[in-house]
Protein backbone atom coordinates (compact mmCIF):
# COMPACT_ATOMS: atom_id res chain seq x y z
CA MET A 1 119.37 175.92 60.47
CA ALA A 2 115.62 176.57 60.43
CA ALA A 3 115.17 172.70 59.52
CA VAL A 4 117.50 171.97 62.42
CA ASP A 5 115.71 173.99 64.82
CA SER A 6 112.51 172.51 63.88
CA PHE A 7 113.80 169.01 64.14
CA GLN A 8 115.05 169.73 67.80
CA LEU A 9 111.95 171.24 68.80
CA LEU A 10 110.01 168.32 67.55
CA TYR A 11 112.30 165.87 69.27
CA GLN A 12 111.97 167.93 72.78
CA GLN A 13 108.07 167.74 72.29
CA VAL A 14 108.24 163.83 71.49
CA ALA A 15 110.76 163.37 74.57
CA ARG A 16 108.53 165.22 76.92
CA SER A 17 105.64 163.23 75.60
CA CYS A 18 107.29 159.94 75.70
CA HIS A 19 108.56 160.94 79.48
CA GLY A 20 105.03 161.57 80.45
CA HIS A 21 103.97 158.15 79.19
CA VAL A 22 106.81 156.59 81.01
CA GLU A 23 105.80 157.97 84.21
CA PHE A 24 102.29 157.04 83.60
CA LEU A 25 103.35 153.27 82.94
CA ALA A 26 105.43 153.33 85.80
CA VAL A 27 102.67 154.39 88.06
CA VAL A 28 100.54 151.57 86.53
CA GLY A 29 103.41 149.08 87.11
CA ALA A 30 103.89 149.92 90.70
CA TRP A 31 100.00 149.72 91.47
CA TYR A 32 99.97 146.29 89.78
CA THR A 33 102.97 145.12 91.56
CA ALA A 34 101.61 146.35 94.83
CA ARG A 35 98.26 144.89 94.38
CA LYS A 36 99.92 141.31 93.27
CA GLY A 37 102.09 141.56 96.45
CA LEU A 38 99.07 142.47 98.68
CA SER A 39 97.01 139.57 97.16
CA LEU A 40 100.04 137.15 97.55
CA LEU A 41 100.18 138.28 101.21
CA CYS A 42 96.68 137.71 101.73
CA GLU A 43 96.89 134.15 99.95
CA CYS A 44 99.84 133.28 102.40
CA TYR A 45 97.81 134.35 105.53
CA SER A 46 94.98 132.28 104.37
CA VAL A 47 96.99 129.18 103.98
CA ILE A 48 98.61 129.85 107.52
CA ARG A 49 95.11 130.43 109.09
CA LEU A 50 93.75 127.34 107.37
CA HIS A 51 96.65 124.78 107.84
CA VAL A 52 98.59 125.92 110.82
CA THR A 53 96.03 127.32 113.26
CA PRO A 54 94.07 124.06 113.60
CA ARG A 55 97.23 122.20 114.51
CA LEU A 56 97.87 124.48 117.43
CA LEU A 57 94.35 124.19 118.93
CA CYS A 58 92.98 121.28 120.76
CA ARG A 59 91.71 118.27 118.55
CA THR A 60 87.87 118.77 117.82
CA ASP A 61 85.72 116.01 119.35
CA LEU A 62 84.28 114.87 116.27
CA VAL A 63 81.71 112.40 117.88
CA ARG A 64 80.29 115.09 119.78
CA GLN A 65 80.19 117.72 116.96
CA TYR A 66 78.82 115.31 114.43
CA GLY A 67 77.78 111.90 115.63
CA GLU A 68 78.96 108.43 116.40
CA TRP A 69 79.29 106.98 112.85
CA ALA A 70 80.99 107.75 109.46
CA VAL A 71 80.18 106.35 106.38
CA VAL A 72 83.03 106.32 103.70
CA THR A 73 82.85 105.05 100.24
CA GLY A 74 85.57 103.75 98.42
CA ALA A 75 87.16 103.07 101.69
CA THR A 76 89.39 100.21 101.20
CA ASP A 77 92.53 102.00 99.32
CA GLY A 78 94.15 105.25 98.94
CA ILE A 79 92.68 108.27 100.43
CA GLY A 80 89.45 106.77 101.48
CA LYS A 81 91.09 104.06 103.70
CA ALA A 82 93.46 106.62 105.24
CA TYR A 83 90.50 109.17 106.06
CA ALA A 84 88.71 106.23 107.47
CA GLU A 85 91.41 105.37 109.79
CA GLU A 86 91.93 108.88 110.75
CA LEU A 87 88.41 109.33 111.79
CA ALA A 88 88.70 106.07 113.77
CA SER A 89 91.85 107.46 115.42
CA ARG A 90 89.55 110.14 116.69
CA GLY A 91 86.64 107.82 118.15
CA VAL A 92 84.43 107.74 115.27
CA ASN A 93 82.80 104.37 114.28
CA ILE A 94 83.16 103.53 110.59
CA ILE A 95 81.00 102.04 107.86
CA LEU A 96 83.18 101.30 104.80
CA ILE A 97 81.58 100.74 101.33
CA SER A 98 83.21 99.59 98.70
CA ARG A 99 82.91 96.87 95.94
CA SER A 100 85.68 94.70 96.83
CA ARG A 101 84.57 91.81 99.06
CA GLU A 102 88.28 90.58 99.63
CA LYS A 103 89.36 93.97 101.29
CA LEU A 104 85.98 94.58 102.97
CA GLN A 105 86.73 91.15 104.84
CA ARG A 106 90.03 92.53 106.18
CA VAL A 107 90.13 96.17 106.46
CA PRO A 108 87.18 96.85 108.88
CA ASP A 109 88.78 94.36 111.33
CA ALA A 110 92.08 96.10 111.14
CA ILE A 111 90.65 99.12 111.77
CA ALA A 112 88.66 98.04 114.44
CA GLY A 113 91.76 96.21 116.13
CA THR A 114 93.90 99.29 115.85
CA TYR A 115 91.55 101.99 117.18
CA GLY A 116 89.35 100.29 119.30
CA VAL A 117 86.10 101.53 117.43
CA ARG A 118 83.17 99.57 116.05
CA THR A 119 83.27 99.01 112.37
CA SER A 120 80.85 97.60 109.80
CA PHE A 121 80.81 97.39 106.06
CA ILE A 122 78.54 97.43 102.91
CA GLU A 123 79.42 95.70 99.54
CA ALA A 124 78.07 97.97 96.73
CA ASP A 125 79.29 98.51 93.19
CA PHE A 126 78.14 101.77 92.48
CA SER A 127 78.88 101.29 88.80
CA ARG A 128 75.63 99.15 88.68
CA GLY A 129 73.59 102.13 88.81
CA ARG A 130 70.01 102.57 91.00
CA GLU A 131 69.94 98.94 92.15
CA VAL A 132 72.55 99.25 94.50
CA TYR A 133 70.88 102.05 96.83
CA PRO A 134 68.03 100.40 98.35
CA PRO A 135 70.17 97.82 100.29
CA ILE A 136 72.28 100.79 101.31
CA LYS A 137 69.51 102.73 102.52
CA GLU A 138 68.25 99.56 104.57
CA ALA A 139 71.49 99.09 105.91
CA LEU A 140 71.70 102.71 107.09
CA ARG A 141 68.32 102.97 108.50
CA HIS A 142 68.94 102.90 112.05
CA VAL A 143 72.41 104.26 111.97
CA ASP A 144 73.09 107.62 113.54
CA VAL A 145 75.43 108.78 110.56
CA GLY A 146 77.25 112.08 111.58
CA ILE A 147 79.87 112.15 108.90
CA LEU A 148 79.50 111.01 105.08
CA VAL A 149 82.73 111.04 102.94
CA ASN A 150 82.00 110.65 99.29
CA ASN A 151 85.27 109.09 98.27
CA ALA A 152 84.43 106.53 95.52
CA GLY A 153 85.54 107.56 92.13
CA VAL A 154 86.95 105.88 89.00
CA CYS A 155 88.91 107.46 86.08
CA TYR A 156 90.35 106.53 82.74
CA GLU A 157 92.66 103.84 82.53
CA TYR A 158 94.90 106.04 80.67
CA PRO A 159 94.27 109.42 78.91
CA GLU A 160 92.49 109.43 75.65
CA TYR A 161 90.31 111.43 73.58
CA PHE A 162 86.62 111.48 74.47
CA THR A 163 85.61 109.86 71.39
CA GLU A 164 88.25 107.11 71.90
CA ALA A 165 87.23 106.10 75.38
CA PRO A 166 84.95 103.16 75.82
CA GLU A 167 81.43 103.58 76.52
CA ASP A 168 81.32 101.42 79.58
CA ILE A 169 84.05 103.65 81.34
CA LEU A 170 82.03 106.78 80.66
CA TRP A 171 78.99 105.13 82.33
CA ASP A 172 81.13 104.10 85.04
CA ILE A 173 82.59 107.61 85.77
CA ILE A 174 78.93 109.12 85.74
CA ASN A 175 77.35 106.37 88.10
CA VAL A 176 80.48 106.29 90.47
CA ASN A 177 81.61 109.83 90.47
CA ILE A 178 78.54 111.69 90.24
CA ALA A 179 75.35 109.32 90.95
CA ALA A 180 76.94 107.63 93.98
CA ALA A 181 77.66 111.04 96.04
CA THR A 182 74.38 112.61 94.85
CA MET A 183 72.55 109.57 96.18
CA MET A 184 74.50 108.89 99.39
CA VAL A 185 73.75 112.39 100.41
CA TYR A 186 70.08 111.86 99.66
CA ILE A 187 70.17 109.01 101.76
CA VAL A 188 71.87 110.16 104.89
CA LEU A 189 70.69 113.74 104.82
CA PRO A 190 67.26 113.39 106.15
CA GLY A 191 68.87 112.14 109.57
CA MET A 192 71.32 114.80 109.84
CA VAL A 193 68.51 117.63 109.12
CA LYS A 194 66.46 115.97 111.91
CA LYS A 195 69.34 116.08 114.70
CA LYS A 196 70.51 119.27 112.96
CA LYS A 197 74.27 118.24 112.98
CA GLY A 198 76.43 116.43 110.61
CA ALA A 199 79.24 116.84 108.02
CA ILE A 200 79.32 115.62 104.18
CA VAL A 201 82.83 115.47 102.47
CA ASN A 202 82.71 115.12 98.77
CA VAL A 203 86.21 114.42 97.52
CA SER A 204 86.82 116.33 94.30
CA SER A 205 90.00 116.88 92.47
CA GLY A 206 92.50 119.62 91.74
CA CYS A 207 91.54 119.15 88.09
CA CYS A 208 88.71 121.66 89.05
CA HIS A 209 91.16 124.47 88.55
CA THR A 210 93.69 122.92 86.01
CA PRO A 211 91.76 120.69 83.34
CA ILE A 212 93.62 117.47 82.31
CA PRO A 213 93.56 117.06 78.61
CA GLN A 214 92.15 113.74 77.47
CA MET A 215 90.59 113.11 80.86
CA SER A 216 87.58 115.26 80.05
CA LEU A 217 84.63 113.55 81.51
CA TYR A 218 86.62 112.75 84.77
CA SER A 219 87.40 116.26 85.06
CA ALA A 220 83.94 117.49 84.28
CA SER A 221 82.67 114.92 86.97
CA LYS A 222 84.88 116.33 89.76
CA VAL A 223 83.84 120.02 88.77
CA CYS A 224 80.15 118.65 89.04
CA LEU A 225 81.02 117.35 92.49
CA ASP A 226 82.75 120.63 93.46
CA GLY A 227 79.64 122.64 92.36
CA PHE A 228 77.42 120.19 93.95
CA SER A 229 79.12 120.67 97.20
CA ARG A 230 79.14 124.44 97.34
CA GLU A 231 75.32 124.69 96.72
CA LEU A 232 74.54 122.15 99.32
CA GLU A 233 76.72 124.24 101.71
CA MET A 234 74.53 127.15 101.02
CA GLU A 235 71.38 125.16 101.44
CA LEU A 236 72.27 123.32 104.49
CA SER A 237 74.86 125.57 106.65
CA PRO A 238 71.52 127.20 108.12
CA LYS A 239 70.40 123.66 109.38
CA GLY A 240 73.66 123.08 111.05
CA ILE A 241 75.24 120.78 108.47
CA PHE A 242 78.64 121.30 107.49
CA VAL A 243 79.57 120.52 103.64
CA GLN A 244 82.94 120.50 102.38
CA SER A 245 84.45 120.19 98.87
CA LEU A 246 87.61 118.38 99.32
CA ILE A 247 90.07 119.24 96.30
CA PRO A 248 93.29 117.07 96.65
CA GLY A 249 96.31 117.45 94.32
CA CYS A 250 98.44 114.64 93.63
CA VAL A 251 98.28 112.07 96.28
CA GLY A 252 100.68 108.91 96.23
CA THR A 253 97.93 106.31 95.82
CA THR A 254 98.11 103.20 93.56
CA THR A 255 95.80 105.02 91.04
CA SER A 256 97.51 108.30 90.76
CA HIS A 257 99.99 108.72 87.50
CA GLY A 258 101.42 111.80 88.17
CA VAL A 259 105.06 113.00 87.43
CA PHE A 260 105.79 114.32 90.79
CA HIS A 261 105.96 110.99 93.10
CA PRO A 262 109.57 111.27 94.08
CA PHE A 263 108.66 114.59 95.85
CA SER A 264 106.83 113.40 99.13
CA LEU A 265 106.41 116.95 100.08
CA LEU A 266 104.14 117.75 96.90
CA VAL A 267 102.65 114.26 96.83
CA PRO A 268 101.96 112.95 100.33
CA SER A 269 101.03 109.67 101.20
CA PRO A 270 97.26 108.98 101.62
CA GLU A 271 98.15 108.72 105.57
CA VAL A 272 99.72 112.13 105.65
CA TYR A 273 97.11 113.59 103.47
CA ALA A 274 94.15 112.35 105.46
CA HIS A 275 95.95 113.45 108.84
CA HIS A 276 95.67 116.98 107.46
CA ALA A 277 92.54 116.90 105.62
CA VAL A 278 90.46 115.74 108.60
CA ARG A 279 91.69 118.60 110.73
CA MET A 280 89.91 120.96 108.18
CA LEU A 281 86.54 119.47 109.07
CA GLY A 282 84.40 122.27 110.18
CA VAL A 283 87.17 124.75 109.48
CA SER A 284 86.81 125.29 105.59
CA THR A 285 83.91 124.63 103.03
CA ARG A 286 86.16 124.33 100.05
CA THR A 287 89.77 123.31 100.80
CA THR A 288 92.69 121.20 99.19
CA GLY A 289 93.09 119.65 102.53
CA TYR A 290 96.82 119.86 102.64
CA TRP A 291 99.24 123.12 102.94
CA ALA A 292 101.46 122.09 99.92
CA HIS A 293 98.61 121.52 97.73
CA SER A 294 97.05 124.82 98.65
CA MET A 295 100.37 126.40 97.75
CA GLN A 296 100.47 124.68 94.37
CA LEU A 297 96.85 126.01 93.78
CA ARG A 298 97.76 129.47 94.55
CA VAL A 299 100.84 129.46 92.24
CA THR A 300 98.69 127.64 89.56
CA GLN A 301 96.14 130.42 89.64
CA CYS A 302 98.90 133.09 88.78
CA VAL A 303 100.20 130.89 85.55
CA PRO A 304 98.38 131.71 82.22
CA GLY A 305 95.92 129.58 80.77
CA TRP A 306 97.99 128.19 77.96
CA LEU A 307 100.79 127.13 80.29
CA ARG A 308 98.40 125.54 82.66
CA ARG A 309 97.01 123.44 79.64
CA SER A 310 100.70 122.54 78.57
CA VAL A 311 101.51 121.48 82.13
CA GLY A 312 98.15 119.31 82.12
CA ARG A 313 99.23 117.68 79.10
CA TYR A 314 102.61 116.97 80.46
CA ILE A 315 101.24 115.47 83.88
CA SER A 316 98.52 113.28 82.04
CA ARG A 317 101.44 112.11 79.66
CA ALA A 318 99.01 112.59 76.85
CA PRO A 319 100.29 113.66 73.12
CA LEU A 320 99.26 116.85 71.59
CA PRO A 321 96.35 116.94 69.30
CA PRO A 322 97.35 116.21 65.88
CA ALA A 323 98.00 119.32 63.63
CA ILE A 324 95.20 120.37 61.40
CA PRO A 325 96.23 120.49 57.66
């Protein structure tokens, strides 16, 4: 009987101890849930404020706010072309920069004919390095550039390991994705500083938040562009210049190769994306530019890293690394 009594006493002590731990864990769980819930509400409010409120307000006069001319690189296809058209629809004159002579001969005329603005173009292949910038600088010497959109970019032809990528494509990514944006800012910035107004939009990528395996240098170049934009914003905002890092998700361009193309809500056309993104000028210094992409980003940030990497492999349709024996 003494042994039974001792066992019952021990059981009661353990039960009381466990009950105390359960109450503690319940409090921690409730606190964590409340914190996450509040964070989610704040994120939803942020998305609504950034993407819904501008639609309810009058359209901003971009010419008065920034200047008469916009320079858009990589402007004959996809996001660049659609962004240029959206700016033109708001009365901004457009200078398109691209390496495609054939497209440069027809796209500016089409924009001018549709929107009644002045257009011009500069043929430039940024992959050629430093030699392309003196002619650009000379062409823009007497132009009142109010908006610069650095959209030009190149990517791998298909996902592959860094050591297997051709050296030429690596140099192209460095010259086009990083050097071109840097030097274009360097060319137009003195004029903006002098008149104390202007806007610089650097088109980065959602891979800033979700790395895509087998596209390492491309992802790194977009991270660099995002960081460059954020540093510039801190440096130039006191001078009256707006700098924005535009971080789109999947957009239905001819060069994208994701798996969500059938879902137009998640993968908008370049025209739909540009219509939303231009509304973010002067509103947010770091934005996806499109409300559905913002929601995707919020969800992504709640996902564990290992799962994000798995999704990244699936999106890039890249094979898993070989097992190490």
